[in-house]
C-alpha atoms as a PDB file:
ATOM      1  CA  MET A   1      19.012  -7.690   7.941  1.00  0.00           C
ATOM      2  CA  ILE A   2      21.647  -7.027   5.426  1.00  0.00           C
ATOM      3  CA  SER A   3      24.886  -9.268   4.937  1.00  0.00           C
ATOM      4  CA  THR A   4      26.622  -6.756   3.398  1.00  0.00           C
ATOM      5  CA  GLU A   5      28.454  -5.042   6.560  1.00  0.00           C
ATOM      6  CA  ASN A   6      29.926  -1.774   4.530  1.00  0.00           C
ATOM      7  CA  LEU A   7      26.225  -0.986   3.394  1.00  0.00           C
ATOM      8  CA  PHE A   8      24.897  -1.025   6.714  1.00  0.00           C
ATOM      9  CA  ASP A   9      27.948   1.358   7.856  1.00  0.00           C
ATOM     10  CA  GLU A  10      27.304   3.645   4.595  1.00  0.00           C
ATOM     11  CA  TYR A  11      23.495   3.702   5.269  1.00  0.00           C
ATOM     12  CA  PRO A  12      22.484   3.087   8.728  1.00  0.00           C
ATOM     13  CA  GLN A  13      19.375   5.353   8.756  1.00  0.00           C
ATOM     14  CA  PHE A  14      18.463   3.411   6.128  1.00  0.00           C
ATOM     15  CA  TYR A  15      19.325  -0.244   6.722  1.00  0.00           C
ATOM     16  CA  GLY A  16      18.567   0.164  10.373  1.00  0.00           C
ATOM     17  CA  ASN A  17      15.378   1.568  10.195  1.00  0.00           C
ATOM     18  CA  PRO A  18      12.448  -0.378  11.599  1.00  0.00           C
ATOM     19  CA  VAL A  19       9.798   0.291   8.913  1.00  0.00           C
ATOM     20  CA  ILE A  20      12.791  -0.316   6.151  1.00  0.00           C
ATOM     21  CA  GLY A  21      13.271  -3.675   7.772  1.00  0.00           C
ATOM     22  CA  GLN A  22       9.230  -4.457   7.811  1.00  0.00           C
ATOM     23  CA  LEU A  23       9.014  -4.141   4.007  1.00  0.00           C
ATOM     24  CA  ALA A  24      12.696  -5.766   3.602  1.00  0.00           C
ATOM     25  CA  ASP A  25      11.146  -9.445   3.068  1.00  0.00           C
ATOM     26  CA  SER A  26       8.789  -8.544   0.745  1.00  0.00           C
ATOM     27  CA  PRO A  27      10.143  -9.628  -2.664  1.00  0.00           C
ATOM     28  CA  ARG A  28       9.542  -6.357  -4.056  1.00  0.00           C
ATOM     29  CA  TRP A  29      13.011  -4.751  -4.360  1.00  0.00           C
ATOM     30  CA  THR A  30      14.990  -3.984  -7.377  1.00  0.00           C
ATOM     31  CA  ILE A  31      17.165  -0.991  -8.646  1.00  0.00           C
ATOM     32  CA  SER A  32      15.962   2.216 -11.167  1.00  0.00           C
ATOM     33  CA  ASP A  33      18.439   3.034 -14.330  1.00  0.00           C
ATOM     34  CA  ASN A  34      19.215   6.159 -15.112  1.00  0.00           C
ATOM     35  CA  GLY A  35      15.685   7.167 -16.579  1.00  0.00           C
ATOM     36  CA  LYS A  36      13.765   5.748 -13.250  1.00  0.00           C
ATOM     37  CA  VAL A  37      12.707   2.416 -14.642  1.00  0.00           C
ATOM     38  CA  PRO A  38      12.693  -0.453 -12.522  1.00  0.00           C
ATOM     39  CA  ILE A  39      14.759  -3.424 -13.360  1.00  0.00           C
ATOM     40  CA  ASP A  40      14.147  -7.043 -14.045  1.00  0.00           C
ATOM     41  CA  MET A  41      15.856  -8.656 -11.274  1.00  0.00           C
ATOM     42  CA  ARG A  42      15.870 -11.823 -12.304  1.00  0.00           C
ATOM     43  CA  GLU A  43      16.549 -11.725 -15.615  1.00  0.00           C
ATOM     44  CA  LEU A  44      19.534  -9.782 -14.768  1.00  0.00           C
ATOM     45  CA  GLN A  45      20.694 -12.449 -12.301  1.00  0.00           C
ATOM     46  CA  ALA A  46      19.977 -14.934 -14.668  1.00  0.00           C
ATOM     47  CA  THR A  47      21.325 -13.930 -17.976  1.00  0.00           C
ATOM     48  CA  GLY A  48      22.698 -10.631 -17.491  1.00  0.00           C
ATOM     49  CA  ARG A  49      20.526  -8.888 -19.656  1.00  0.00           C
ATOM     50  CA  ILE A  50      18.855  -5.418 -18.620  1.00  0.00           C
ATOM     51  CA  ARG A  51      15.078  -5.478 -19.137  1.00  0.00           C
ATOM     52  CA  GLY A  52      12.276  -3.446 -17.339  1.00  0.00           C
ATOM     53  CA  ALA A  53      10.629  -4.799 -14.310  1.00  0.00           C
ATOM     54  CA  TYR A  54       7.119  -6.693 -16.177  1.00  0.00           C
ATOM     55  CA  GLU A  55       5.448  -7.087 -13.159  1.00  0.00           C
ATOM     56  CA  LYS A  56       5.383  -6.262  -9.339  1.00  0.00           C
ATOM     57  CA  SER A  57       6.106  -9.835  -8.064  1.00  0.00           C
ATOM     58  CA  ILE A  58       9.024 -12.359  -7.487  1.00  0.00           C
ATOM     59  CA  SER A  59       9.147 -13.221 -10.866  1.00  0.00           C
ATOM     60  CA  CYS A  60      11.270  -9.934 -11.548  1.00  0.00           C
ATOM     61  CA  LEU A  61      11.976  -8.517  -8.161  1.00  0.00           C
ATOM     62  CA  MET A  62      13.830  -9.756  -4.912  1.00  0.00           C
ATOM     63  CA  THR A  63      13.866  -9.216  -0.983  1.00  0.00           C
ATOM     64  CA  LEU A  64      16.196  -6.394  -0.008  1.00  0.00           C
ATOM     65  CA  GLU A  65      18.603  -9.027   1.171  1.00  0.00           C
ATOM     66  CA  GLU A  66      18.761 -10.787  -1.913  1.00  0.00           C
ATOM     67  CA  LEU A  67      19.170  -7.508  -3.700  1.00  0.00           C
ATOM     68  CA  THR A  68      22.164  -6.504  -1.555  1.00  0.00           C
ATOM     69  CA  GLU A  69      24.052  -9.399  -1.999  1.00  0.00           C
ATOM     70  CA  PHE A  70      23.718  -9.790  -5.691  1.00  0.00           C
ATOM     71  CA  MET A  71      24.143  -5.856  -6.035  1.00  0.00           C
ATOM     72  CA  PRO A  72      25.871  -4.607  -2.817  1.00  0.00           C
ATOM     73  CA  ARG A  73      26.769  -1.578  -4.786  1.00  0.00           C
ATOM     74  CA  ALA A  74      23.911  -0.560  -6.417  1.00  0.00           C
ATOM     75  CA  ALA A  75      23.204   3.297  -6.734  1.00  0.00           C
ATOM     76  CA  ASN A  76      19.586   2.779  -5.528  1.00  0.00           C
ATOM     77  CA  HIS A  77      16.769   0.683  -4.125  1.00  0.00           C
ATOM     78  CA  ALA A  78      13.473   0.677  -5.668  1.00  0.00           C
ATOM     79  CA  PHE A  79      10.379  -0.688  -4.136  1.00  0.00           C
ATOM     80  CA  ALA A  80       6.848  -1.477  -5.501  1.00  0.00           C
ATOM     81  CA  LEU A  81       4.808   0.390  -2.649  1.00  0.00           C
ATOM     82  CA  ASN A  82       1.208  -1.067  -2.034  1.00  0.00           C
ATOM     83  CA  ALA A  83      -0.363   0.271   1.140  1.00  0.00           C
ATOM     84  CA  SER A  84      -2.760  -2.362   0.840  1.00  0.00           C
ATOM     85  CA  ILE A  85      -0.292  -4.773   1.875  1.00  0.00           C
ATOM     86  CA  ASP A  86       2.511  -2.594   3.571  1.00  0.00           C
ATOM     87  CA  GLU A  87       0.588  -0.386   5.723  1.00  0.00           C
ATOM     88  CA  VAL A  88       2.218   2.640   4.976  1.00  0.00           C
ATOM     89  CA  LEU A  89       2.142   5.600   2.274  1.00  0.00           C
ATOM     90  CA  VAL A  90       5.118   7.797   0.932  1.00  0.00           C
ATOM     91  CA  LEU A  91       4.944  11.256   0.921  1.00  0.00           C
ATOM     92  CA  ASP A  92       6.737  12.561  -2.076  1.00  0.00           C
ATOM     93  CA  ILE A  93       7.914  16.501  -2.112  1.00  0.00           C
ATOM     94  CA  GLU A  94       9.094  17.569  -5.237  1.00  0.00           C
ATOM     95  CA  LYS A  95      12.252  19.496  -6.086  1.00  0.00           C
ATOM     96  CA  ASP A  96      10.292  22.498  -6.968  1.00  0.00           C
ATOM     97  CA  CYS A  97       7.839  22.729  -3.904  1.00  0.00           C
ATOM     98  CA  PRO A  98       8.587  25.869  -2.194  1.00  0.00           C
ATOM     99  CA  PRO A  99      11.085  25.704   0.683  1.00  0.00           C
ATOM    100  CA  SER A 100       8.400  26.760   3.097  1.00  0.00           C
ATOM    101  CA  ILE A 101       6.010  24.390   2.377  1.00  0.00           C
ATOM    102  CA  ALA A 102       8.675  21.429   1.675  1.00  0.00           C
ATOM    103  CA  GLU A 103      10.074  22.329   5.422  1.00  0.00           C
ATOM    104  CA  GLU A 104       6.402  22.211   7.077  1.00  0.00           C
ATOM    105  CA  LEU A 105       5.811  19.110   5.378  1.00  0.00           C
ATOM    106  CA  LEU A 106       9.158  17.537   6.631  1.00  0.00           C
ATOM    107  CA  ARG A 107       8.099  18.306  10.240  1.00  0.00           C
ATOM    108  CA  LEU A 108       5.771  15.547   9.718  1.00  0.00           C
ATOM    109  CA  PRO A 109       6.078  12.312  12.150  1.00  0.00           C
ATOM    110  CA  ALA A 110       7.637  10.250   9.222  1.00  0.00           C
ATOM    111  CA  LEU A 111       8.334   6.908   9.896  1.00  0.00           C
ATOM    112  CA  TYR A 112      11.529   7.281   7.554  1.00  0.00           C
ATOM    113  CA  SER A 113      12.864   9.857   5.578  1.00  0.00           C
ATOM    114  CA  GLU A 114      15.535  10.653   2.684  1.00  0.00           C
ATOM    115  CA  LEU A 115      16.517  12.873  -0.349  1.00  0.00           C
ATOM    116  CA  SER A 116      14.841  12.352  -3.492  1.00  0.00           C
ATOM    117  CA  MET A 117      17.142  11.170  -6.610  1.00  0.00           C
ATOM    118  CA  SER A 118      17.460  15.113  -7.703  1.00  0.00           C
ATOM    119  CA  GLY A 119      19.043  15.863  -4.245  1.00  0.00           C
ATOM    120  CA  PHE A 120      16.231  18.752  -3.935  1.00  0.00           C
ATOM    121  CA  GLY A 121      13.298  16.669  -3.077  1.00  0.00           C
ATOM    122  CA  TYR A 122      12.496  14.151  -0.211  1.00  0.00           C
ATOM    123  CA  HIS A 123      10.786  10.910   0.664  1.00  0.00           C
ATOM    124  CA  LEU A 124       9.049  10.353   3.657  1.00  0.00           C
ATOM    125  CA  ILE A 125       7.541   6.920   4.784  1.00  0.00           C
ATOM    126  CA  MET A 126       4.068   7.916   6.665  1.00  0.00           C
ATOM    127  CA  PRO A 127       2.018   5.429   8.844  1.00  0.00           C
ATOM    128  CA  LEU A 128      -1.502   4.627   7.154  1.00  0.00           C
ATOM    129  CA  PRO A 129      -3.432   7.579   8.018  1.00  0.00           C
ATOM    130  CA  ASP A 130      -6.226   6.940  10.706  1.00  0.00           C
ATOM    131  CA  ASN A 131      -8.774   8.284   7.887  1.00  0.00           C
ATOM    132  CA  PHE A 132      -7.431   5.965   5.226  1.00  0.00           C
ATOM    133  CA  ASP A 133     -10.763   3.665   5.320  1.00  0.00           C
ATOM    134  CA  ASP A 134     -12.753   6.846   5.036  1.00  0.00           C
ATOM    135  CA  PHE A 135     -11.520   7.665   1.116  1.00  0.00           C
ATOM    136  CA  PRO A 136     -12.578   4.399  -0.681  1.00  0.00           C
ATOM    137  CA  ILE A 137     -12.149   6.155  -4.452  1.00  0.00           C
ATOM    138  CA  ALA A 138      -8.422   7.372  -2.907  1.00  0.00           C
ATOM    139  CA  ALA A 139      -7.491   4.531  -1.908  1.00  0.00           C
ATOM    140  CA  GLY A 140      -7.888   2.702  -5.068  1.00  0.00           C
ATOM    141  CA  LYS A 141      -5.847   5.032  -6.625  1.00  0.00           C
ATOM    142  CA  LEU A 142      -1.959   4.750  -7.392  1.00  0.00           C
ATOM    143  CA  LYS A 143      -1.166   8.157  -5.841  1.00  0.00           C
ATOM    144  CA  LEU A 144      -2.931  11.599  -5.171  1.00  0.00           C
ATOM    145  CA  GLN A 145      -1.067  14.684  -6.266  1.00  0.00           C
ATOM    146  CA  GLU A 146      -1.447  18.167  -4.842  1.00  0.00           C
ATOM    147  CA  GLU A 147      -3.052  20.642  -7.077  1.00  0.00           C
ATOM    148  CA  HIS A 148       0.392  22.646  -7.876  1.00  0.00           C
ATOM    149  CA  LYS A 149       2.198  19.097  -8.280  1.00  0.00           C
ATOM    150  CA  TRP A 150       4.528  20.461  -5.621  1.00  0.00           C
ATOM    151  CA  TYR A 151       3.997  16.786  -3.409  1.00  0.00           C
ATOM    152  CA  GLU A 152       2.109  13.844  -3.609  1.00  0.00           C
ATOM    153  CA  VAL A 153       0.901  10.616  -1.743  1.00  0.00           C
ATOM    154  CA  LEU A 154       2.167   7.224  -3.245  1.00  0.00           C
ATOM    155  CA  ILE A 155      -0.451   4.469  -2.656  1.00  0.00           C
ATOM    156  CA  GLU A 156       0.422   1.615  -5.197  1.00  0.00           C
ATOM    157  CA  HIS A 157       3.716   2.904  -6.882  1.00  0.00           C
ATOM    158  CA  TRP A 158       7.349   2.613  -7.179  1.00  0.00           C
ATOM    159  CA  VAL A 159       9.582   4.331  -4.558  1.00  0.00           C
ATOM    160  CA  THR A 160      13.356   4.899  -5.652  1.00  0.00           C
ATOM    161  CA  PHE A 161      15.295   5.048  -2.187  1.00  0.00           C
ATOM    162  CA  THR A 162      18.169   7.126  -2.225  1.00  0.00           C
ATOM    163  CA  ARG A 163      18.990   5.974   1.204  1.00  0.00           C
ATOM    164  CA  LYS A 164      20.667   9.475   1.732  1.00  0.00           C
ATOM    165  CA  PRO A 165      19.317  11.343   4.713  1.00  0.00           C
ATOM    166  CA  VAL A 166      17.878  14.465   5.001  1.00  0.00           C
ATOM    167  CA  PRO A 167      20.265  17.235   6.102  1.00  0.00           C
ATOM    168  CA  THR A 168      19.394  18.023   9.852  1.00  0.00           C
ATOM    169  CA  SER A 169      19.848  21.630   9.277  1.00  0.00           C
ATOM    170  CA  LEU A 170      16.446  21.439   7.779  1.00  0.00           C
ATOM    171  CA  THR A 171      14.462  20.066  10.595  1.00  0.00           C
ATOM    172  CA  ARG A 172      16.887  21.450  13.734  1.00  0.00           C
ATOM    173  CA  GLY A 173      14.761  23.426  15.965  1.00  0.00           C
ATOM    174  CA  ALA A 174      11.376  22.907  13.976  1.00  0.00           C
ATOM    175  CA  GLU A 175       8.234  21.670  16.338  1.00  0.00           C
ATOM    176  CA  PRO A 176       7.235  18.387  15.058  1.00  0.00           C
ATOM    177  CA  ALA A 177       3.913  18.030  13.668  1.00  0.00           C
ATOM    178  CA  SER A 178       1.342  15.890  14.825  1.00  0.00           C
ATOM    179  CA  LEU A 179      -0.256  12.350  13.279  1.00  0.00           C
ATOM    180  CA  GLU A 180      -3.794  14.371  13.295  1.00  0.00           C
ATOM    181  CA  GLN A 181      -2.071  17.308  11.170  1.00  0.00           C
ATOM    182  CA  TRP A 182      -0.661  14.030   8.784  1.00  0.00           C
ATOM    183  CA  ASP A 183      -4.654  13.096   8.542  1.00  0.00           C
ATOM    184  CA  GLN A 184      -5.459  16.043   7.885  1.00  0.00           C
ATOM    185  CA  LEU A 185      -3.603  16.657   4.824  1.00  0.00           C
ATOM    186  CA  TYR A 186      -4.512  12.895   3.448  1.00  0.00           C
ATOM    187  CA  ALA A 187      -8.208  14.182   3.849  1.00  0.00           C
ATOM    188  CA  ARG A 188      -7.590  17.284   1.877  1.00  0.00           C
ATOM    189  CA  LEU A 189      -5.924  15.145  -1.126  1.00  0.00           C
ATOM    190  CA  ALA A 190      -7.917  12.239  -0.388  1.00  0.00           C
ATOM    191  CA  SER A 191     -11.289  14.203  -0.827  1.00  0.00           C
ATOM    192  CA  ARG A 192     -10.565  15.330  -4.390  1.00  0.00           C
ATOM    193  CA  ALA A 193     -10.118  11.778  -5.918  1.00  0.00           C
ATOM    194  CA  VAL A 194     -12.543  10.616  -8.302  1.00  0.00           C
ATOM    195  CA  GLU A 195     -13.648   7.581  -9.504  1.00  0.00           C
ATOM    196  CA  THR A 196     -12.437   7.055 -13.297  1.00  0.00           C
ATOM    197  CA  GLN A 197     -13.352   3.726 -13.982  1.00  0.00           C
ATOM    198  CA  THR A 198     -15.735   0.904 -12.959  1.00  0.00           C
ATOM    199  CA  ALA A 199     -15.567  -2.709 -12.638  1.00  0.00           C
ATOM    200  CA  LYS A 200     -18.374  -5.197 -12.371  1.00  0.00           C
ATOM    201  CA  VAL A 201     -17.734  -8.088 -10.038  1.00  0.00           C
ATOM    202  CA  ASP A 202     -20.423 -10.756 -10.491  1.00  0.00           C
ATOM    203  CA  VAL A 203     -20.889 -12.811  -6.978  1.00  0.00           C
ATOM    204  CA  GLU A 204     -22.632 -15.945  -6.558  1.00  0.00           C
ATOM    205  CA  LEU A 205     -25.517 -15.510  -4.303  1.00  0.00           C
ATOM    206  CA  ASP A 206     -25.358 -19.044  -2.973  1.00  0.00           C
ATOM    207  CA  LYS A 207     -22.143 -19.082  -1.258  1.00  0.00           C
ATOM    208  CA  PRO A 208     -19.354 -21.055  -3.438  1.00  0.00           C
ATOM    209  CA  GLU A 209     -16.934 -24.003  -2.203  1.00  0.00           C
ATOM    210  CA  ILE A 210     -13.972 -21.969  -1.412  1.00  0.00           C
ATOM    211  CA  PRO A 211     -10.797 -24.061  -0.626  1.00  0.00           C
ATOM    212  CA  GLY A 212      -8.732 -22.897   1.955  1.00  0.00           C
ATOM    213  CA  GLU A 213     -11.625 -20.892   3.750  1.00  0.00           C
ATOM    214  CA  HIS A 214     -10.920 -21.671   7.359  1.00  0.00           C
ATOM    215  CA  GLN A 215      -7.122 -20.531   7.079  1.00  0.00           C
ATOM    216  CA  ALA A 216      -8.233 -17.291   4.656  1.00  0.00           C
ATOM    217  CA  ILE A 217     -10.825 -16.649   7.445  1.00  0.00           C
ATOM    218  CA  PHE A 218      -8.042 -16.822  10.481  1.00  0.00           C
ATOM    219  CA  ILE A 219      -5.785 -14.661   8.892  1.00  0.00           C
ATOM    220  CA  MET A 220      -8.096 -11.854   8.272  1.00  0.00           C
ATOM    221  CA  THR A 221      -9.476 -11.956  12.122  1.00  0.00           C
ATOM    222  CA  GLN A 222      -7.080 -13.129  14.345  1.00  0.00           C
ATOM    223  CA  GLN A 223      -6.349  -9.797  15.289  1.00  0.00           C
ATOM    224  CA  ALA A 224      -9.265  -6.906  16.010  1.00  0.00           C
ATOM    225  CA  PRO A 225     -10.007  -4.283  13.558  1.00  0.00           C
ATOM    226  CA  PRO A 226      -7.537  -1.278  13.733  1.00  0.00           C
ATOM    227  CA  ARG A 227     -10.481   1.227  14.437  1.00  0.00           C
ATOM    228  CA  THR A 228     -13.718   0.800  16.780  1.00  0.00           C
ATOM    229  CA  LEU A 229     -16.996   2.278  16.512  1.00  0.00           C
ATOM    230  CA  GLU A 230     -16.355   5.069  18.626  1.00  0.00           C
ATOM    231  CA  ASP A 231     -14.058   6.094  16.479  1.00  0.00           C
ATOM    232  CA  PHE A 232     -16.469   6.522  13.800  1.00  0.00           C
ATOM    233  CA  HIS A 233     -18.410   8.529  16.458  1.00  0.00           C
ATOM    234  CA  PHE A 234     -20.831   5.464  16.252  1.00  0.00           C
ATOM    235  CA  ASP A 235     -21.623   5.746  12.673  1.00  0.00           C
ATOM    236  CA  HIS A 236     -21.922   1.982  11.910  1.00  0.00           C
ATOM    237  CA  SER A 237     -21.969   2.255   7.767  1.00  0.00           C
ATOM    238  CA  ARG A 238     -18.201   4.188   8.128  1.00  0.00           C
ATOM    239  CA  TYR A 239     -17.195   1.525  10.930  1.00  0.00           C
ATOM    240  CA  GLU A 240     -18.221  -1.372   8.726  1.00  0.00           C
ATOM    241  CA  PHE A 241     -16.948  -0.171   5.502  1.00  0.00           C
ATOM    242  CA  SER A 242     -13.303   0.268   7.894  1.00  0.00           C
ATOM    243  CA  VAL A 243     -13.922  -3.252   8.891  1.00  0.00           C
ATOM    244  CA  LEU A 244     -14.269  -4.723   5.257  1.00  0.00           C
ATOM    245  CA  SER A 245     -11.231  -2.709   3.854  1.00  0.00           C
ATOM    246  CA  ALA A 246      -9.023  -3.697   6.951  1.00  0.00           C
ATOM    247  CA  LEU A 247     -10.164  -7.349   6.065  1.00  0.00           C
ATOM    248  CA  ASN A 248      -9.383  -7.151   2.516  1.00  0.00           C
ATOM    249  CA  ARG A 249      -6.175  -5.567   3.135  1.00  0.00           C
ATOM    250  CA  ARG A 250      -5.352  -8.777   5.325  1.00  0.00           C
ATOM    251  CA  LEU A 251      -6.861 -10.868   2.767  1.00  0.00           C
ATOM    252  CA  ASN A 252      -4.450  -9.287  -0.634  1.00  0.00           C
ATOM    253  CA  PRO A 253      -0.994 -10.629   0.818  1.00  0.00           C
ATOM    254  CA  ALA A 254      -2.493 -14.149   1.980  1.00  0.00           C
ATOM    255  CA  LEU A 255      -4.087 -15.039  -1.213  1.00  0.00           C
ATOM    256  CA  PRO A 256      -0.509 -15.822  -3.618  1.00  0.00           C
ATOM    257  CA  PHE A 257       0.036 -18.649  -0.725  1.00  0.00           C
ATOM    258  CA  LEU A 258      -3.249 -19.900  -0.668  1.00  0.00           C
ATOM    259  CA  SER A 259      -3.688 -19.944  -4.048  1.00  0.00           C
ATOM    260  CA  GLY A 260      -0.549 -22.017  -4.621  1.00  0.00           C
ATOM    261  CA  LYS A 261      -1.362 -24.352  -1.683  1.00  0.00           C
ATOM    262  CA  PHE A 262      -4.647 -25.223  -2.610  1.00  0.00           C
ATOM    263  CA  ASP A 263      -3.890 -25.121  -6.036  1.00  0.00           C
ATOM    264  CA  ILE A 264      -6.810 -22.129  -7.085  1.00  0.00           C
ATOM    265  CA  GLU A 265      -7.373 -19.029  -8.413  1.00  0.00           C
ATOM    266  CA  TYR A 266      -9.311 -17.424  -6.092  1.00  0.00           C
ATOM    267  CA  THR A 267     -12.227 -15.365  -8.344  1.00  0.00           C
ATOM    268  CA  PRO A 268     -13.565 -12.035  -7.228  1.00  0.00           C
ATOM    269  CA  SER A 269     -16.921 -13.592  -5.900  1.00  0.00           C
ATOM    270  CA  MET A 270     -14.694 -15.943  -3.614  1.00  0.00           C
ATOM    271  CA  ARG A 271     -12.953 -12.963  -2.107  1.00  0.00           C
ATOM    272  CA  VAL A 272     -16.295 -11.084  -1.766  1.00  0.00           C
ATOM    273  CA  TRP A 273     -17.399 -14.219   0.088  1.00  0.00           C
ATOM    274  CA  LEU A 274     -14.369 -14.483   2.028  1.00  0.00           C
ATOM    275  CA  ILE A 275     -14.368 -10.822   3.619  1.00  0.00           C
ATOM    276  CA  TYR A 276     -18.235 -11.413   4.328  1.00  0.00           C
ATOM    277  CA  GLU A 277     -17.629 -14.669   6.497  1.00  0.00           C
ATOM    278  CA  ALA A 278     -14.799 -12.883   8.216  1.00  0.00           C
ATOM    279  CA  ALA A 279     -16.977  -9.855   8.772  1.00  0.00           C
ATOM    280  CA  ARG A 280     -19.853 -11.593  10.224  1.00  0.00           C
ATOM    281  CA  GLN A 281     -17.435 -12.934  13.034  1.00  0.00           C
ATOM    282  CA  ILE A 282     -16.343  -9.198  13.675  1.00  0.00           C
ATOM    283  CA  ILE A 283     -18.928  -7.001  13.280  1.00  0.00           C
ATOM    284  CA  PRO A 284     -21.569  -7.241  15.603  1.00  0.00           C
ATOM    285  CA  HIS A 285     -25.184  -8.047  13.963  1.00  0.00           C
ATOM    286  CA  ARG A 286     -27.525  -5.541  13.580  1.00  0.00           C
ATOM    287  CA  THR A 287     -31.181  -5.925  12.209  1.00  0.00           C
ATOM    288  CA  LYS A 288     -30.133  -4.183   9.606  1.00  0.00           C
ATOM    289  CA  HIS A 289     -27.619  -6.527   7.990  1.00  0.00           C
ATOM    290  CA  ASP A 290     -30.755  -8.426   7.022  1.00  0.00           C
ATOM    291  CA  GLU A 291     -31.809  -6.196   4.801  1.00  0.00           C
ATOM    292  CA  LEU A 292     -31.220  -6.579   0.904  1.00  0.00           C
ATOM    293  CA  ARG A 293     -28.828  -4.502  -1.345  1.00  0.00           C
ATOM    294  CA  ASN A 294     -28.943  -5.707  -5.020  1.00  0.00           C
ATOM    295  CA  ASN A 295     -30.702  -9.043  -4.016  1.00  0.00           C
ATOM    296  CA  MET A 296     -27.588  -9.345  -1.451  1.00  0.00           C
ATOM    297  CA  PRO A 297     -27.366  -8.802   2.356  1.00  0.00           C
ATOM    298  CA  LEU A 298     -26.058  -5.828   3.481  1.00  0.00           C
ATOM    299  CA  LEU A 299     -22.488  -6.600   4.293  1.00  0.00           C
ATOM    300  CA  LEU A 300     -22.165  -9.189   1.422  1.00  0.00           C
ATOM    301  CA  ASN A 301     -23.119  -5.839  -0.904  1.00  0.00           C
ATOM    302  CA  ALA A 302     -20.723  -3.235   0.656  1.00  0.00           C
ATOM    303  CA  ALA A 303     -18.009  -5.958   0.210  1.00  0.00           C
ATOM    304  CA  THR A 304     -19.127  -6.711  -3.719  1.00  0.00           C
ATOM    305  CA  ASP A 305     -18.673  -2.477  -3.830  1.00  0.00           C
ATOM    306  CA  LEU A 306     -15.102  -2.898  -1.915  1.00  0.00           C
ATOM    307  CA  ILE A 307     -13.886  -5.980  -4.242  1.00  0.00           C
ATOM    308  CA  ALA A 308     -15.093  -3.925  -7.369  1.00  0.00           C
ATOM    309  CA  ARG A 309     -13.118  -0.827  -6.703  1.00  0.00           C
ATOM    310  CA  GLN A 310      -9.894  -3.154  -6.308  1.00  0.00           C
ATOM    311  CA  GLU A 311     -10.584  -4.747  -9.775  1.00  0.00           C
ATOM    312  CA  ALA A 312     -11.226  -0.963 -11.325  1.00  0.00           C
ATOM    313  CA  GLN A 313      -7.882  -0.405  -9.866  1.00  0.00           C
ATOM    314  CA  ARG A 314      -6.356  -3.118 -11.657  1.00  0.00           C
ATOM    315  CA  LEU A 315      -7.916  -2.243 -14.689  1.00  0.00           C
ATOM    316  CA  ASP A 316      -6.729   1.379 -14.254  1.00  0.00           C
ATOM    317  CA  ARG A 317      -3.022  -0.105 -13.719  1.00  0.00           C
ATOM    318  CA  ALA A 318      -3.493  -2.518 -16.703  1.00  0.00           C
ATOM    319  CA  GLY A 319      -4.437   0.448 -18.764  1.00  0.00           C
ATOM    320  CA  ALA A 320      -1.574   2.469 -17.628  1.00  0.00           C
ATOM    321  CA  ASN A 321       1.264  -0.023 -18.688  1.00  0.00           C
ATOM    322  CA  ALA A 322      -0.408  -0.695 -21.740  1.00  0.00           C
ATOM    323  CA  SER A 323      -0.388   3.241 -22.751  1.00  0.00           C
END
């Protein structure tokens, strides 16, 4: 993955880590300055001028390989995490977290762990919890913060990786925690999330023509949903929302490619219809699906609610950036 061999030798736990390898090809990497501001790497590469990254895309950011080749001695690597695309979260343990609690959190089954920039906090890349789709409001947040601000779960947020491993003395002899305990921790934070903004999505009641529809549906349906109806104790509503959420996560990273290929900007209404059509192929039909909600079939209305939350999250991000 990394052509700069001395970097691999210096930080083998980072560059050799499987989950870092999965994230490496996403063009969402940069470096952070001393104020933790992510840098526009494309501008720096083209002109030598340093400015903040104005968007989380290839317009400002690079793949990890590009970044290391351009700046092999960078002090850190910053990544624009997006749980909907990456299917991981980051548990950020602050430096003022009580040691007993920090040590307990370090027992969680992290996919990757390291020291934070202060040297006294920790970053843990965690798998997406099994109950992630049970908390749609939380899933639309940028992060979830523990009440004392001792730690937080990053969902769509910048993460500045130091690549410095957690000292083994902190975890030696400790009994590992389970994925179930991670799910429980996430549920505690996610259950307190409240909706801060709403967005209205105008959906065409008659299905529009959607260029690239077959390709998009194939991308969404080529794998089975990650969770089964049995996982939800045969609660059809929760199971169906989980399927819709999974389809949306698969669709999001494909849209930029499809937009370029078919020269179209996919509207929220188009996205709703794509998710709905994919869901009809995966979710077994039941009589309740024929019922109307807001003059729409049940699943189409549920897909509309899902995209409305996504649009609300986009508005939240725009408001945060403006302030």
